[in-house]
Amino acid sequence: MEKELELFKKYSKKKDDFYESDTHPMHPNLFHQLSMVVGFNKINGRTYPDYVTKWSETRKTDAPAE
């Protein structure tokens, strides 16, 4: 869990940002709670690092072209 918090802090500057946004991934605790929902991990990744990788890749794709 410690590595997951460091990964979260890499993108989020506020400790109370628990929900996903365009500027930061969801908090690891929320990810683990949602992992209990059937199908969540299939869509979002099996582990928190997998999820953050997917989140980061979608933000690069969604970024406006210069």
PDB file of N, CA and C in Angstrom:
ATOM      1  N   MET A   1       0.823  -1.196   0.000  1.00  0.00           N
ATOM      2  CA  MET A   1       0.000   0.000   0.000  1.00  0.00           C
ATOM      3  C   MET A   1       0.867   1.259   0.000  1.00  0.00           C
ATOM      4  N   GLU A   2       2.019   1.183   0.606  1.00  0.00           N
ATOM      5  CA  GLU A   2       2.906   2.351   0.674  1.00  0.00           C
ATOM      6  C   GLU A   2       3.337   2.796  -0.720  1.00  0.00           C
ATOM      7  N   LYS A   3       3.664   1.840  -1.597  1.00  0.00           N
ATOM      8  CA  LYS A   3       4.057   2.183  -2.967  1.00  0.00           C
ATOM      9  C   LYS A   3       2.881   2.789  -3.726  1.00  0.00           C
ATOM     10  N   GLU A   4       1.675   2.313  -3.443  1.00  0.00           N
ATOM     11  CA  GLU A   4       0.489   2.851  -4.102  1.00  0.00           C
ATOM     12  C   GLU A   4       0.259   4.303  -3.693  1.00  0.00           C
ATOM     13  N   LEU A   5       0.472   4.611  -2.425  1.00  0.00           N
ATOM     14  CA  LEU A   5       0.308   5.992  -1.973  1.00  0.00           C
ATOM     15  C   LEU A   5       1.341   6.910  -2.618  1.00  0.00           C
ATOM     16  N   GLU A   6       2.545   6.420  -2.787  1.00  0.00           N
ATOM     17  CA  GLU A   6       3.572   7.221  -3.468  1.00  0.00           C
ATOM     18  C   GLU A   6       3.181   7.465  -4.918  1.00  0.00           C
ATOM     19  N   LEU A   7       2.639   6.450  -5.568  1.00  0.00           N
ATOM     20  CA  LEU A   7       2.174   6.592  -6.948  1.00  0.00           C
ATOM     21  C   LEU A   7       1.043   7.611  -7.024  1.00  0.00           C
ATOM     22  N   PHE A   8       0.123   7.563  -6.070  1.00  0.00           N
ATOM     23  CA  PHE A   8      -0.976   8.534  -6.017  1.00  0.00           C
ATOM     24  C   PHE A   8      -0.433   9.947  -5.821  1.00  0.00           C
ATOM     25  N   LYS A   9       0.496  10.102  -4.911  1.00  0.00           N
ATOM     26  CA  LYS A   9       1.062  11.421  -4.606  1.00  0.00           C
ATOM     27  C   LYS A   9       1.841  12.004  -5.783  1.00  0.00           C
ATOM     28  N   LYS A  10       2.299  11.139  -6.669  1.00  0.00           N
ATOM     29  CA  LYS A  10       3.009  11.606  -7.867  1.00  0.00           C
ATOM     30  C   LYS A  10       2.093  12.493  -8.715  1.00  0.00           C
ATOM     31  N   TYR A  11       0.807  12.176  -8.742  1.00  0.00           N
ATOM     32  CA  TYR A  11      -0.150  12.913  -9.568  1.00  0.00           C
ATOM     33  C   TYR A  11      -1.017  13.880  -8.782  1.00  0.00           C
ATOM     34  N   SER A  12      -1.233  13.612  -7.503  1.00  0.00           N
ATOM     35  CA  SER A  12      -2.145  14.432  -6.714  1.00  0.00           C
ATOM     36  C   SER A  12      -1.390  15.261  -5.691  1.00  0.00           C
ATOM     37  N   LYS A  13      -1.702  16.523  -5.628  1.00  0.00           N
ATOM     38  CA  LYS A  13      -1.049  17.428  -4.685  1.00  0.00           C
ATOM     39  C   LYS A  13      -1.868  17.609  -3.406  1.00  0.00           C
ATOM     40  N   LYS A  14      -3.121  17.150  -3.414  1.00  0.00           N
ATOM     41  CA  LYS A  14      -3.991  17.298  -2.248  1.00  0.00           C
ATOM     42  C   LYS A  14      -4.255  15.929  -1.627  1.00  0.00           C
ATOM     43  N   LYS A  15      -4.135  15.821  -0.327  1.00  0.00           N
ATOM     44  CA  LYS A  15      -4.358  14.552   0.349  1.00  0.00           C
ATOM     45  C   LYS A  15      -5.817  14.127   0.333  1.00  0.00           C
ATOM     46  N   ASP A  16      -6.741  15.076   0.186  1.00  0.00           N
ATOM     47  CA  ASP A  16      -8.156  14.741   0.256  1.00  0.00           C
ATOM     48  C   ASP A  16      -8.804  14.510  -1.113  1.00  0.00           C
ATOM     49  N   ASP A  17      -8.018  14.382  -2.157  1.00  0.00           N
ATOM     50  CA  ASP A  17      -8.546  14.064  -3.488  1.00  0.00           C
ATOM     51  C   ASP A  17      -8.718  12.555  -3.600  1.00  0.00           C
ATOM     52  N   PHE A  18      -9.926  12.067  -3.353  1.00  0.00           N
ATOM     53  CA  PHE A  18     -10.151  10.627  -3.390  1.00  0.00           C
ATOM     54  C   PHE A  18     -10.708  10.158  -4.724  1.00  0.00           C
ATOM     55  N   TYR A  19     -11.379  11.053  -5.437  1.00  0.00           N
ATOM     56  CA  TYR A  19     -12.035  10.667  -6.682  1.00  0.00           C
ATOM     57  C   TYR A  19     -11.176  10.988  -7.891  1.00  0.00           C
ATOM     58  N   GLU A  20     -11.340  10.216  -8.938  1.00  0.00           N
ATOM     59  CA  GLU A  20     -10.588  10.422 -10.167  1.00  0.00           C
ATOM     60  C   GLU A  20     -11.026  11.722 -10.845  1.00  0.00           C
ATOM     61  N   SER A  21     -10.055  12.410 -11.442  1.00  0.00           N
ATOM     62  CA  SER A  21     -10.358  13.592 -12.241  1.00  0.00           C
ATOM     63  C   SER A  21      -9.378  13.622 -13.408  1.00  0.00           C
ATOM     64  N   ASP A  22      -9.440  14.667 -14.198  1.00  0.00           N
ATOM     65  CA  ASP A  22      -8.500  14.806 -15.308  1.00  0.00           C
ATOM     66  C   ASP A  22      -7.084  15.087 -14.825  1.00  0.00           C
ATOM     67  N   THR A  23      -6.947  15.538 -13.589  1.00  0.00           N
ATOM     68  CA  THR A  23      -5.624  15.913 -13.091  1.00  0.00           C
ATOM     69  C   THR A  23      -4.997  14.886 -12.154  1.00  0.00           C
ATOM     70  N   HIS A  24      -5.779  13.939 -11.651  1.00  0.00           N
ATOM     71  CA  HIS A  24      -5.216  12.920 -10.768  1.00  0.00           C
ATOM     72  C   HIS A  24      -6.073  11.658 -10.755  1.00  0.00           C
ATOM     73  N   PRO A  25      -5.426  10.503 -10.510  1.00  0.00           N
ATOM     74  CA  PRO A  25      -6.170   9.238 -10.421  1.00  0.00           C
ATOM     75  C   PRO A  25      -6.919   9.158  -9.089  1.00  0.00           C
ATOM     76  N   MET A  26      -7.788   8.173  -8.960  1.00  0.00           N
ATOM     77  CA  MET A  26      -8.494   7.993  -7.687  1.00  0.00           C
ATOM     78  C   MET A  26      -7.513   7.511  -6.619  1.00  0.00           C
ATOM     79  N   HIS A  27      -7.855   7.739  -5.385  1.00  0.00           N
ATOM     80  CA  HIS A  27      -7.046   7.330  -4.245  1.00  0.00           C
ATOM     81  C   HIS A  27      -6.985   5.792  -4.191  1.00  0.00           C
ATOM     82  N   PRO A  28      -5.857   5.223  -3.764  1.00  0.00           N
ATOM     83  CA  PRO A  28      -5.744   3.761  -3.683  1.00  0.00           C
ATOM     84  C   PRO A  28      -6.843   3.114  -2.833  1.00  0.00           C
ATOM     85  N   ASN A  29      -7.247   3.750  -1.740  1.00  0.00           N
ATOM     86  CA  ASN A  29      -8.309   3.172  -0.904  1.00  0.00           C
ATOM     87  C   ASN A  29      -9.614   3.043  -1.676  1.00  0.00           C
ATOM     88  N   LEU A  30      -9.959   4.052  -2.465  1.00  0.00           N
ATOM     89  CA  LEU A  30     -11.175   3.992  -3.273  1.00  0.00           C
ATOM     90  C   LEU A  30     -11.042   2.907  -4.334  1.00  0.00           C
ATOM     91  N   PHE A  31      -9.873   2.800  -4.956  1.00  0.00           N
ATOM     92  CA  PHE A  31      -9.649   1.759  -5.952  1.00  0.00           C
ATOM     93  C   PHE A  31      -9.909   0.381  -5.344  1.00  0.00           C
ATOM     94  N   HIS A  32      -9.361   0.126  -4.157  1.00  0.00           N
ATOM     95  CA  HIS A  32      -9.529  -1.185  -3.528  1.00  0.00           C
ATOM     96  C   HIS A  32     -10.981  -1.446  -3.124  1.00  0.00           C
ATOM     97  N   GLN A  33     -11.687  -0.419  -2.701  1.00  0.00           N
ATOM     98  CA  GLN A  33     -13.109  -0.594  -2.389  1.00  0.00           C
ATOM     99  C   GLN A  33     -13.893  -0.934  -3.645  1.00  0.00           C
ATOM    100  N   LEU A  34     -13.615  -0.225  -4.731  1.00  0.00           N
ATOM    101  CA  LEU A  34     -14.336  -0.463  -5.981  1.00  0.00           C
ATOM    102  C   LEU A  34     -13.946  -1.785  -6.633  1.00  0.00           C
ATOM    103  N   SER A  35     -12.778  -2.316  -6.272  1.00  0.00           N
ATOM    104  CA  SER A  35     -12.332  -3.599  -6.821  1.00  0.00           C
ATOM    105  C   SER A  35     -13.271  -4.737  -6.432  1.00  0.00           C
ATOM    106  N   MET A  36     -14.075  -4.532  -5.401  1.00  0.00           N
ATOM    107  CA  MET A  36     -15.040  -5.548  -4.972  1.00  0.00           C
ATOM    108  C   MET A  36     -16.265  -5.588  -5.877  1.00  0.00           C
ATOM    109  N   VAL A  37     -16.436  -4.573  -6.718  1.00  0.00           N
ATOM    110  CA  VAL A  37     -17.564  -4.529  -7.652  1.00  0.00           C
ATOM    111  C   VAL A  37     -17.229  -5.403  -8.858  1.00  0.00           C
ATOM    112  N   VAL A  38     -18.135  -6.302  -9.191  1.00  0.00           N
ATOM    113  CA  VAL A  38     -17.913  -7.217 -10.313  1.00  0.00           C
ATOM    114  C   VAL A  38     -17.655  -6.423 -11.590  1.00  0.00           C
ATOM    115  N   GLY A  39     -16.569  -6.737 -12.272  1.00  0.00           N
ATOM    116  CA  GLY A  39     -16.235  -6.119 -13.551  1.00  0.00           C
ATOM    117  C   GLY A  39     -15.356  -4.883 -13.452  1.00  0.00           C
ATOM    118  N   PHE A  40     -15.223  -4.318 -12.256  1.00  0.00           N
ATOM    119  CA  PHE A  40     -14.430  -3.094 -12.108  1.00  0.00           C
ATOM    120  C   PHE A  40     -12.981  -3.305 -12.546  1.00  0.00           C
ATOM    121  N   ASN A  41     -12.353  -4.377 -12.063  1.00  0.00           N
ATOM    122  CA  ASN A  41     -10.949  -4.603 -12.386  1.00  0.00           C
ATOM    123  C   ASN A  41     -10.743  -4.973 -13.857  1.00  0.00           C
ATOM    124  N   LYS A  42     -11.718  -5.570 -14.459  1.00  0.00           N
ATOM    125  CA  LYS A  42     -11.605  -5.902 -15.877  1.00  0.00           C
ATOM    126  C   LYS A  42     -11.501  -4.626 -16.714  1.00  0.00           C
ATOM    127  N   ILE A  43     -12.216  -3.604 -16.312  1.00  0.00           N
ATOM    128  CA  ILE A  43     -12.224  -2.334 -17.036  1.00  0.00           C
ATOM    129  C   ILE A  43     -11.057  -1.438 -16.633  1.00  0.00           C
ATOM    130  N   ASN A  44     -10.747  -1.401 -15.340  1.00  0.00           N
ATOM    131  CA  ASN A  44      -9.806  -0.414 -14.809  1.00  0.00           C
ATOM    132  C   ASN A  44      -8.417  -0.931 -14.474  1.00  0.00           C
ATOM    133  N   GLY A  45      -8.213  -2.232 -14.537  1.00  0.00           N
ATOM    134  CA  GLY A  45      -6.914  -2.809 -14.197  1.00  0.00           C
ATOM    135  C   GLY A  45      -7.008  -3.641 -12.930  1.00  0.00           C
ATOM    136  N   ARG A  46      -6.204  -4.703 -12.885  1.00  0.00           N
ATOM    137  CA  ARG A  46      -6.272  -5.619 -11.741  1.00  0.00           C
ATOM    138  C   ARG A  46      -5.585  -5.065 -10.499  1.00  0.00           C
ATOM    139  N   THR A  47      -4.589  -4.216 -10.691  1.00  0.00           N
ATOM    140  CA  THR A  47      -3.859  -3.634  -9.567  1.00  0.00           C
ATOM    141  C   THR A  47      -3.906  -2.115  -9.677  1.00  0.00           C
ATOM    142  N   TYR A  48      -3.585  -1.460  -8.580  1.00  0.00           N
ATOM    143  CA  TYR A  48      -3.569   0.006  -8.596  1.00  0.00           C
ATOM    144  C   TYR A  48      -2.549   0.556  -9.599  1.00  0.00           C
ATOM    145  N   PRO A  49      -1.325  -0.004  -9.648  1.00  0.00           N
ATOM    146  CA  PRO A  49      -0.387   0.483 -10.675  1.00  0.00           C
ATOM    147  C   PRO A  49      -0.919   0.293 -12.102  1.00  0.00           C
ATOM    148  N   ASP A  50      -1.616  -0.824 -12.354  1.00  0.00           N
ATOM    149  CA  ASP A  50      -2.226  -1.027 -13.675  1.00  0.00           C
ATOM    150  C   ASP A  50      -3.253   0.064 -13.960  1.00  0.00           C
ATOM    151  N   TYR A  51      -4.062   0.362 -12.954  1.00  0.00           N
ATOM    152  CA  TYR A  51      -5.080   1.405 -13.101  1.00  0.00           C
ATOM    153  C   TYR A  51      -4.442   2.764 -13.400  1.00  0.00           C
ATOM    154  N   VAL A  52      -3.402   3.127 -12.650  1.00  0.00           N
ATOM    155  CA  VAL A  52      -2.761   4.432 -12.848  1.00  0.00           C
ATOM    156  C   VAL A  52      -2.142   4.504 -14.247  1.00  0.00           C
ATOM    157  N   THR A  53      -1.572   3.407 -14.712  1.00  0.00           N
ATOM    158  CA  THR A  53      -1.020   3.377 -16.068  1.00  0.00           C
ATOM    159  C   THR A  53      -2.117   3.638 -17.090  1.00  0.00           C
ATOM    160  N   LYS A  54      -3.256   2.947 -16.942  1.00  0.00           N
ATOM    161  CA  LYS A  54      -4.387   3.174 -17.858  1.00  0.00           C
ATOM    162  C   LYS A  54      -4.895   4.608 -17.761  1.00  0.00           C
ATOM    163  N   TRP A  55      -5.028   5.103 -16.534  1.00  0.00           N
ATOM    164  CA  TRP A  55      -5.498   6.480 -16.333  1.00  0.00           C
ATOM    165  C   TRP A  55      -4.559   7.464 -17.023  1.00  0.00           C
ATOM    166  N   SER A  56      -3.264   7.279 -16.835  1.00  0.00           N
ATOM    167  CA  SER A  56      -2.269   8.171 -17.428  1.00  0.00           C
ATOM    168  C   SER A  56      -2.308   8.104 -18.959  1.00  0.00           C
ATOM    169  N   GLU A  57      -2.440   6.921 -19.504  1.00  0.00           N
ATOM    170  CA  GLU A  57      -2.488   6.765 -20.964  1.00  0.00           C
ATOM    171  C   GLU A  57      -3.717   7.431 -21.560  1.00  0.00           C
ATOM    172  N   THR A  58      -4.848   7.360 -20.876  1.00  0.00           N
ATOM    173  CA  THR A  58      -6.052   8.000 -21.417  1.00  0.00           C
ATOM    174  C   THR A  58      -5.922   9.510 -21.356  1.00  0.00           C
ATOM    175  N   ARG A  59      -5.201  10.027 -20.402  1.00  0.00           N
ATOM    176  CA  ARG A  59      -5.008  11.473 -20.319  1.00  0.00           C
ATOM    177  C   ARG A  59      -4.098  11.965 -21.441  1.00  0.00           C
ATOM    178  N   LYS A  60      -3.131  11.154 -21.827  1.00  0.00           N
ATOM    179  CA  LYS A  60      -2.271  11.518 -22.946  1.00  0.00           C
ATOM    180  C   LYS A  60      -3.067  11.510 -24.246  1.00  0.00           C
ATOM    181  N   THR A  61      -3.959  10.537 -24.376  1.00  0.00           N
ATOM    182  CA  THR A  61      -4.793  10.417 -25.569  1.00  0.00           C
ATOM    183  C   THR A  61      -5.795  11.558 -25.638  1.00  0.00           C
ATOM    184  N   ASP A  62      -6.346  11.942 -24.478  1.00  0.00           N
ATOM    185  CA  ASP A  62      -7.364  13.000 -24.436  1.00  0.00           C
ATOM    186  C   ASP A  62      -6.777  14.402 -24.550  1.00  0.00           C
ATOM    187  N   ALA A  63      -5.450  14.506 -24.436  1.00  0.00           N
ATOM    188  CA  ALA A  63      -4.820  15.822 -24.473  1.00  0.00           C
ATOM    189  C   ALA A  63      -4.997  16.446 -25.865  1.00  0.00           C
ATOM    190  N   PRO A  64      -5.288  17.709 -25.937  1.00  0.00           N
ATOM    191  CA  PRO A  64      -5.467  18.356 -27.244  1.00  0.00           C
ATOM    192  C   PRO A  64      -4.154  18.376 -28.033  1.00  0.00           C
ATOM    193  N   ALA A  65      -4.255  18.172 -29.310  1.00  0.00           N
ATOM    194  CA  ALA A  65      -3.066  18.194 -30.174  1.00  0.00           C
ATOM    195  C   ALA A  65      -2.564  19.612 -30.318  1.00  0.00           C
ATOM    196  N   GLU A  66      -1.251  19.765 -30.327  1.00  0.00           N
ATOM    197  CA  GLU A  66      -0.666  21.106 -30.469  1.00  0.00           C
ATOM    198  C   GLU A  66      -0.263  21.379 -31.893  1.00  0.00           C
TER     199      GLU A  66
END
